[in-house]
């Protein structure tokens, strides 16, 4: 029987939402095995002086539980 577990993370980047998603995935794969994919749940940004200073990407990481 297969079981898929999920965790939510928010990646942060000064470059782009895509880079923020890559950073979240990179952190997840440091400690999780069997990562199978992720879903982008939301994107947002921090604005300072009229410009985007940080991109935030909220992702749900999926990984398979094994014995």
C-alpha atoms as a PDB file:
ATOM      1  CA  UNK A   1       0.000   0.000   0.000  1.00  0.00           C
ATOM      2  CA  UNK A   2       1.341   3.427  -0.949  1.00  0.00           C
ATOM      3  CA  UNK A   3       0.901   6.520   1.175  1.00  0.00           C
ATOM      4  CA  UNK A   4       1.663  10.036  -0.042  1.00  0.00           C
ATOM      5  CA  UNK A   5       2.363  12.708   2.561  1.00  0.00           C
ATOM      6  CA  UNK A   6       2.393  16.458   1.944  1.00  0.00           C
ATOM      7  CA  UNK A   7       4.031  19.431   3.585  1.00  0.00           C
ATOM      8  CA  UNK A   8       3.570  23.111   2.826  1.00  0.00           C
ATOM      9  CA  UNK A   9       6.566  25.411   2.445  1.00  0.00           C
ATOM     10  CA  UNK A  10       7.057  29.012   1.362  1.00  0.00           C
ATOM     11  CA  UNK A  11      10.158  29.672  -0.724  1.00  0.00           C
ATOM     12  CA  UNK A  12      11.578  33.197  -0.701  1.00  0.00           C
ATOM     13  CA  UNK A  13      13.673  34.822  -3.433  1.00  0.00           C
ATOM     14  CA  UNK A  14      14.785  38.275  -4.481  1.00  0.00           C
ATOM     15  CA  UNK A  15      14.787  37.122  -8.142  1.00  0.00           C
ATOM     16  CA  UNK A  16      11.425  35.554  -9.085  1.00  0.00           C
ATOM     17  CA  UNK A  17       8.499  33.356  -8.042  1.00  0.00           C
ATOM     18  CA  UNK A  18      10.076  30.493 -10.006  1.00  0.00           C
ATOM     19  CA  UNK A  19      13.324  30.849  -8.075  1.00  0.00           C
ATOM     20  CA  UNK A  20      11.362  30.916  -4.811  1.00  0.00           C
ATOM     21  CA  UNK A  21       9.675  27.613  -5.786  1.00  0.00           C
ATOM     22  CA  UNK A  22      13.074  26.089  -6.620  1.00  0.00           C
ATOM     23  CA  UNK A  23      14.396  27.175  -3.226  1.00  0.00           C
ATOM     24  CA  UNK A  24      11.457  25.573  -1.407  1.00  0.00           C
ATOM     25  CA  UNK A  25      11.983  22.327  -3.335  1.00  0.00           C
ATOM     26  CA  UNK A  26      15.728  22.445  -2.684  1.00  0.00           C
ATOM     27  CA  UNK A  27      15.202  22.745   1.061  1.00  0.00           C
ATOM     28  CA  UNK A  28      12.624  19.945   1.069  1.00  0.00           C
ATOM     29  CA  UNK A  29      14.906  17.511  -0.751  1.00  0.00           C
ATOM     30  CA  UNK A  30      17.667  18.060   1.816  1.00  0.00           C
ATOM     31  CA  UNK A  31      15.661  16.129   4.417  1.00  0.00           C
ATOM     32  CA  UNK A  32      12.869  14.307   2.552  1.00  0.00           C
ATOM     33  CA  UNK A  33      13.227  11.178   0.449  1.00  0.00           C
ATOM     34  CA  UNK A  34      10.961  10.124  -2.405  1.00  0.00           C
ATOM     35  CA  UNK A  35       9.745  13.607  -3.353  1.00  0.00           C
ATOM     36  CA  UNK A  36       7.347  13.087  -6.268  1.00  0.00           C
ATOM     37  CA  UNK A  37       6.184  16.601  -7.065  1.00  0.00           C
ATOM     38  CA  UNK A  38       4.655  19.793  -5.797  1.00  0.00           C
ATOM     39  CA  UNK A  39       1.743  22.137  -6.391  1.00  0.00           C
ATOM     40  CA  UNK A  40       2.040  25.902  -6.321  1.00  0.00           C
ATOM     41  CA  UNK A  41      -0.712  27.076  -3.985  1.00  0.00           C
ATOM     42  CA  UNK A  42      -0.076  30.808  -3.978  1.00  0.00           C
ATOM     43  CA  UNK A  43       2.385  33.485  -4.976  1.00  0.00           C
ATOM     44  CA  UNK A  44       2.863  36.811  -3.250  1.00  0.00           C
ATOM     45  CA  UNK A  45       5.431  39.547  -2.918  1.00  0.00           C
ATOM     46  CA  UNK A  46       6.815  42.097  -0.520  1.00  0.00           C
ATOM     47  CA  UNK A  47       6.902  45.634  -1.910  1.00  0.00           C
ATOM     48  CA  UNK A  48       9.306  48.315  -0.725  1.00  0.00           C
ATOM     49  CA  UNK A  49       9.400  51.800  -2.207  1.00  0.00           C
ATOM     50  CA  UNK A  50       7.167  50.711  -5.094  1.00  0.00           C
ATOM     51  CA  UNK A  51       9.355  47.764  -6.131  1.00  0.00           C
ATOM     52  CA  UNK A  52       9.205  44.055  -5.364  1.00  0.00           C
ATOM     53  CA  UNK A  53      11.863  43.239  -2.777  1.00  0.00           C
ATOM     54  CA  UNK A  54      10.922  39.569  -2.160  1.00  0.00           C
ATOM     55  CA  UNK A  55       8.981  36.958  -4.093  1.00  0.00           C
ATOM     56  CA  UNK A  56       7.159  34.313  -2.033  1.00  0.00           C
ATOM     57  CA  UNK A  57       5.897  31.020  -3.472  1.00  0.00           C
ATOM     58  CA  UNK A  58       3.728  28.772  -1.282  1.00  0.00           C
ATOM     59  CA  UNK A  59       4.095  25.142  -2.408  1.00  0.00           C
ATOM     60  CA  UNK A  60       2.710  21.798  -1.277  1.00  0.00           C
ATOM     61  CA  UNK A  61       5.423  19.130  -1.583  1.00  0.00           C
ATOM     62  CA  UNK A  62       4.334  15.496  -2.135  1.00  0.00           C
ATOM     63  CA  UNK A  63       6.492  12.567  -1.055  1.00  0.00           C
ATOM     64  CA  UNK A  64       5.927   8.837  -0.785  1.00  0.00           C
ATOM     65  CA  UNK A  65       6.149   7.144   2.608  1.00  0.00           C
ATOM     66  CA  UNK A  66       8.157   3.920   2.524  1.00  0.00           C
ATOM     67  CA  UNK A  67       8.940   1.334   5.155  1.00  0.00           C
END
